């Protein structure tokens, strides 16, 4: 009888070992695959100024999805590099695309795009105008960009007198900010204020899926790796109880 029990227990142990090995292997695939996937799709940047506050603060580490400029939609927070702006990576929000008439400001003090007032709950200050009225028509193939902190953002308004009236080519865009990695503020939501305009807003990037793959992989590795020690500990406890019972029978005899 005892031999039968041991045989059944050994079979269960072998199955458990196989399953734990598979869990570790699959976990490694998900964990490493998630990192590789993220490295291919995303580029990290550190934001040096507060021009995008409170959406992105000074020193925040952001993840920007590598995209082509043709994929940019109104409302996107993008990373771009333009020689006339200092030829260094900058982070701003797209408020107008080619053909749009962008004006500031309407009767209620809001930015307007093609005559439509835009709800901008992300602004760092309540006054969108900050004492500067303007009206521009964005050339085809270009983007008009503003900072969320309109009081001190060096954005398209500063370059209104230049060719293109402050707009930058779509080709200048190198990425679209999808998430703030540090501090871990999470994914940037697409602003609904631009959703009703032609072309709508962009779809969220796959950053949540990337993070989910990494987290799931790490969890499976830990669970699979913990099976062996836990099984041995349970076996020792079970063996100790069996010996104790036999010792009691011997004393009783």
Protein backbone atom coordinates (compact mmCIF):
# COMPACT_ATOMS: atom_id res chain seq x y z
CA UNK A 1 0.00 0.00 0.00
CA UNK A 2 2.76 2.43 0.92
CA UNK A 3 4.58 1.63 -2.34
CA UNK A 4 1.43 2.51 -4.30
CA UNK A 5 1.14 5.85 -2.53
CA UNK A 6 4.77 6.65 -3.25
CA UNK A 7 4.31 5.78 -6.93
CA UNK A 8 1.28 8.04 -7.25
CA UNK A 9 3.07 10.84 -5.46
CA UNK A 10 6.10 10.48 -7.71
CA UNK A 11 3.89 10.71 -10.79
CA UNK A 12 2.24 13.87 -9.53
CA UNK A 13 5.67 15.30 -8.75
CA UNK A 14 6.92 14.63 -12.25
CA UNK A 15 3.85 16.26 -13.78
CA UNK A 16 4.33 19.26 -11.50
CA UNK A 17 7.99 19.54 -12.50
CA UNK A 18 7.08 19.46 -16.19
CA UNK A 19 4.39 22.11 -15.73
CA UNK A 20 6.71 24.33 -13.70
CA UNK A 21 9.38 24.02 -16.41
CA UNK A 22 6.87 24.99 -19.08
CA UNK A 23 5.74 27.96 -16.98
CA UNK A 24 9.32 29.19 -16.64
CA UNK A 25 10.00 28.70 -20.36
CA UNK A 26 6.81 30.51 -21.43
CA UNK A 27 7.49 33.22 -18.86
CA UNK A 28 10.96 33.81 -20.31
CA UNK A 29 9.47 34.11 -23.80
CA UNK A 30 6.89 36.66 -22.64
CA UNK A 31 9.32 38.61 -20.44
CA UNK A 32 12.16 38.86 -22.95
CA UNK A 33 9.78 39.19 -25.89
CA UNK A 34 8.01 42.07 -24.17
CA UNK A 35 11.28 43.92 -23.65
CA UNK A 36 12.38 43.36 -27.24
CA UNK A 37 8.95 44.39 -28.55
CA UNK A 38 9.04 47.53 -26.43
CA UNK A 39 12.58 48.40 -27.53
CA UNK A 40 11.59 48.09 -31.18
CA UNK A 41 8.40 50.18 -30.85
CA UNK A 42 9.38 52.77 -28.25
CA UNK A 43 12.10 55.32 -27.63
CA UNK A 44 12.60 56.84 -24.14
CA UNK A 45 13.06 60.59 -23.72
CA UNK A 46 13.66 62.83 -20.73
CA UNK A 47 11.69 66.11 -20.84
CA UNK A 48 13.92 69.05 -19.82
CA UNK A 49 11.32 71.85 -19.48
CA UNK A 50 7.87 72.48 -18.02
CA UNK A 51 6.31 73.63 -21.32
CA UNK A 52 4.03 70.55 -21.32
CA UNK A 53 3.03 70.81 -17.66
CA UNK A 54 0.93 69.39 -16.09
CA UNK A 55 0.68 66.62 -18.71
CA UNK A 56 4.44 66.07 -18.66
CA UNK A 57 6.57 67.61 -15.93
CA UNK A 58 10.24 68.60 -15.90
CA UNK A 59 12.45 65.52 -15.69
CA UNK A 60 9.71 63.04 -16.60
CA UNK A 61 10.87 60.00 -18.54
CA UNK A 62 8.43 59.37 -21.37
CA UNK A 63 7.98 56.54 -23.87
CA UNK A 64 7.43 57.70 -27.43
CA UNK A 65 6.18 55.24 -30.02
CA UNK A 66 8.25 55.37 -33.18
CA UNK A 67 5.83 56.47 -35.89
CA UNK A 68 5.86 58.09 -39.30
CA UNK A 69 4.77 61.73 -39.43
CA UNK A 70 1.83 60.78 -41.65
CA UNK A 71 0.26 58.94 -38.68
CA UNK A 72 0.04 62.06 -36.50
CA UNK A 73 -3.42 63.31 -35.53
CA UNK A 74 -4.64 66.41 -33.72
CA UNK A 75 -4.21 66.14 -29.98
CA UNK A 76 -1.14 63.90 -30.17
CA UNK A 77 1.82 64.77 -27.95
CA UNK A 78 4.80 64.30 -30.25
CA UNK A 79 8.58 64.34 -30.16
CA UNK A 80 10.06 66.24 -33.09
CA UNK A 81 13.27 67.88 -34.21
CA UNK A 82 13.31 70.99 -36.37
CA UNK A 83 16.41 73.00 -37.31
CA UNK A 84 14.61 76.36 -37.05
CA UNK A 85 13.56 75.50 -33.47
CA UNK A 86 17.06 74.71 -32.25
CA UNK A 87 17.60 71.32 -33.91
CA UNK A 88 17.06 69.34 -30.71
CA UNK A 89 14.30 66.92 -29.65
CA UNK A 90 11.24 68.79 -28.36
CA UNK A 91 7.87 67.68 -26.99
CA UNK A 92 4.67 69.56 -27.92
CA UNK A 93 1.00 68.90 -28.65
CA UNK A 94 -0.36 68.94 -32.19
CA UNK A 95 -3.36 71.28 -32.40
CA UNK A 96 -3.56 71.70 -36.18
CA UNK A 97 -2.70 69.74 -39.32
CA UNK A 98 -2.35 70.76 -42.96
CA UNK A 99 -5.31 72.84 -44.16
CA UNK A 100 -6.56 73.71 -40.66
CA UNK A 101 -7.26 77.29 -39.62
CA UNK A 102 -6.04 77.57 -36.03
CA UNK A 103 -7.04 80.68 -34.11
CA UNK A 104 -6.85 82.01 -30.61
CA UNK A 105 -9.10 82.76 -29.18
CA UNK A 106 -12.87 82.41 -29.45
CA UNK A 107 -15.48 84.36 -27.52
CA UNK A 108 -15.17 81.96 -24.60
CA UNK A 109 -11.38 82.16 -24.58
CA UNK A 110 -10.84 78.77 -26.18
CA UNK A 111 -8.59 77.75 -29.04
CA UNK A 112 -10.52 77.16 -32.25
CA UNK A 113 -9.72 74.84 -35.16
CA UNK A 114 -11.68 75.52 -38.34
CA UNK A 115 -14.05 77.62 -36.24
CA UNK A 116 -14.72 74.84 -33.71
CA UNK A 117 -13.87 75.68 -30.06
CA UNK A 118 -11.61 72.98 -28.60
CA UNK A 119 -12.03 71.71 -25.07
CA UNK A 120 -8.51 71.48 -23.56
CA UNK A 121 -8.73 70.14 -20.00
CA UNK A 122 -5.01 69.34 -20.02
CA UNK A 123 -3.92 73.01 -20.04
CA UNK A 124 -1.55 74.08 -17.30
CA UNK A 125 -3.21 77.50 -17.03
CA UNK A 126 -6.86 78.42 -17.44
CA UNK A 127 -6.21 81.17 -19.97
CA UNK A 128 -5.39 79.63 -23.37
CA UNK A 129 -4.55 83.00 -24.92
CA UNK A 130 -1.96 84.26 -22.44
CA UNK A 131 -2.28 87.65 -24.11
CA UNK A 132 -1.41 86.43 -27.59
CA UNK A 133 -4.09 86.29 -30.26
CA UNK A 134 -3.32 84.71 -33.62
CA UNK A 135 -4.93 83.15 -36.65
CA UNK A 136 -2.98 80.91 -39.04
CA UNK A 137 -3.72 78.45 -41.82
CA UNK A 138 -1.47 75.42 -41.53
CA UNK A 139 0.27 74.55 -44.83
CA UNK A 140 -0.28 71.09 -46.29
CA UNK A 141 2.08 68.47 -44.90
CA UNK A 142 2.79 70.48 -41.78
CA UNK A 143 1.73 70.61 -38.11
CA UNK A 144 0.95 73.44 -35.70
CA UNK A 145 2.18 72.69 -32.18
CA UNK A 146 1.55 74.25 -28.77
CA UNK A 147 2.69 73.45 -25.24
CA UNK A 148 0.15 72.61 -22.55
CA UNK A 149 1.68 75.29 -20.31
CA UNK A 150 0.86 78.21 -22.58
CA UNK A 151 2.43 80.85 -20.35
CA UNK A 152 6.02 79.89 -21.07
CA UNK A 153 6.00 77.39 -23.91
CA UNK A 154 8.32 78.17 -26.83
CA UNK A 155 6.05 76.74 -29.49
CA UNK A 156 4.55 77.61 -32.89
CA UNK A 157 3.42 80.99 -31.60
CA UNK A 158 7.05 82.10 -31.26
CA UNK A 159 7.68 81.29 -34.94
CA UNK A 160 4.56 82.87 -36.45
CA UNK A 161 6.60 85.34 -38.52
CA UNK A 162 8.71 82.64 -40.11
CA UNK A 163 7.94 80.68 -43.26
CA UNK A 164 5.07 78.30 -42.58
CA UNK A 165 3.75 80.54 -39.77
CA UNK A 166 5.26 78.44 -37.01
CA UNK A 167 4.33 75.03 -38.38
CA UNK A 168 6.78 72.14 -38.74
CA UNK A 169 6.91 69.39 -41.39
CA UNK A 170 5.32 66.05 -40.53
CA UNK A 171 8.68 64.51 -41.37
CA UNK A 172 10.18 66.26 -38.33
CA UNK A 173 8.20 63.98 -36.00
CA UNK A 174 10.16 61.05 -34.58
CA UNK A 175 7.65 59.69 -32.07
CA UNK A 176 4.29 60.02 -30.32
CA UNK A 177 4.28 60.03 -26.52
CA UNK A 178 2.20 57.14 -25.23
CA UNK A 179 3.17 56.92 -21.57
CA UNK A 180 5.13 58.46 -18.73
CA UNK A 181 7.52 55.77 -17.55
CA UNK A 182 8.98 57.71 -14.63
CA UNK A 183 7.38 58.65 -12.40
CA UNK A 184 4.94 55.88 -13.30
CA UNK A 185 1.97 58.09 -14.20
CA UNK A 186 0.77 55.65 -16.84
CA UNK A 187 -0.62 56.00 -20.34
CA UNK A 188 -1.51 59.39 -21.83
CA UNK A 189 -5.17 59.47 -22.81
CA UNK A 190 -6.06 60.83 -26.23
CA UNK A 191 -7.88 64.19 -25.87
CA UNK A 192 -11.53 63.97 -26.83
CA UNK A 193 -11.72 67.67 -27.76
CA UNK A 194 -10.37 66.93 -31.25
CA UNK A 195 -12.43 63.76 -31.81
CA UNK A 196 -15.23 65.53 -33.72
CA UNK A 197 -12.92 67.03 -36.34
CA UNK A 198 -12.20 65.29 -39.68
CA UNK A 199 -9.65 62.51 -39.20
CA UNK A 200 -10.52 62.15 -35.52
CA UNK A 201 -7.85 61.25 -32.97
CA UNK A 202 -5.21 58.54 -32.99
CA UNK A 203 -5.69 55.12 -31.45
CA UNK A 204 -3.80 54.29 -28.24
CA UNK A 205 -0.43 52.62 -28.79
CA UNK A 206 0.41 49.06 -27.67
CA UNK A 207 2.27 50.13 -24.53
CA UNK A 208 -0.30 48.42 -22.27
CA UNK A 209 0.18 45.13 -24.13
CA UNK A 210 3.95 45.44 -23.87
CA UNK A 211 3.79 46.01 -20.12
CA UNK A 212 1.25 43.19 -19.69
CA UNK A 213 3.56 40.75 -21.51
CA UNK A 214 6.51 41.71 -19.30
CA UNK A 215 4.52 41.49 -16.06
CA UNK A 216 2.87 38.20 -17.02
CA UNK A 217 6.23 36.74 -18.01
CA UNK A 218 7.85 37.75 -14.73
CA UNK A 219 4.95 36.26 -12.75
CA UNK A 220 5.14 32.94 -14.61
CA UNK A 221 8.91 32.73 -14.06
CA UNK A 222 8.51 33.33 -10.32
CA UNK A 223 5.65 30.85 -9.97
CA UNK A 224 7.42 28.16 -11.99
CA UNK A 225 10.70 28.65 -10.16
CA UNK A 226 8.97 28.53 -6.78
CA UNK A 227 7.31 25.17 -7.45
CA UNK A 228 10.39 23.04 -6.78
CA UNK A 229 11.29 24.49 -3.35
CA UNK A 230 7.65 24.48 -2.27
CA UNK A 231 7.16 20.86 -3.39
CA UNK A 232 10.29 19.74 -1.50
CA UNK A 233 9.18 21.61 1.61
CA UNK A 234 5.74 19.98 1.42
CA UNK A 235 7.39 16.58 0.94
CA UNK A 236 9.60 17.01 3.99
CA UNK A 237 6.63 17.98 6.10
CA UNK A 238 4.61 15.03 4.85
CA UNK A 239 7.52 12.63 5.42
CA UNK A 240 8.03 13.94 8.92
CA UNK A 241 4.39 13.32 9.81
CA UNK A 242 4.58 9.74 8.47
CA UNK A 243 7.67 8.89 10.54
CA UNK A 244 6.10 10.36 13.64
CA UNK A 245 3.05 8.10 13.19
CA UNK A 246 5.20 4.95 12.80
CA UNK A 247 7.24 5.85 15.86
CA UNK A 248 4.07 6.10 17.91
CA UNK A 249 2.95 2.65 16.73
CA UNK A 250 6.33 1.17 17.68
CA UNK A 251 6.11 2.64 21.18
CA UNK A 252 2.57 1.38 21.57
CA UNK A 253 3.67 -2.14 20.57
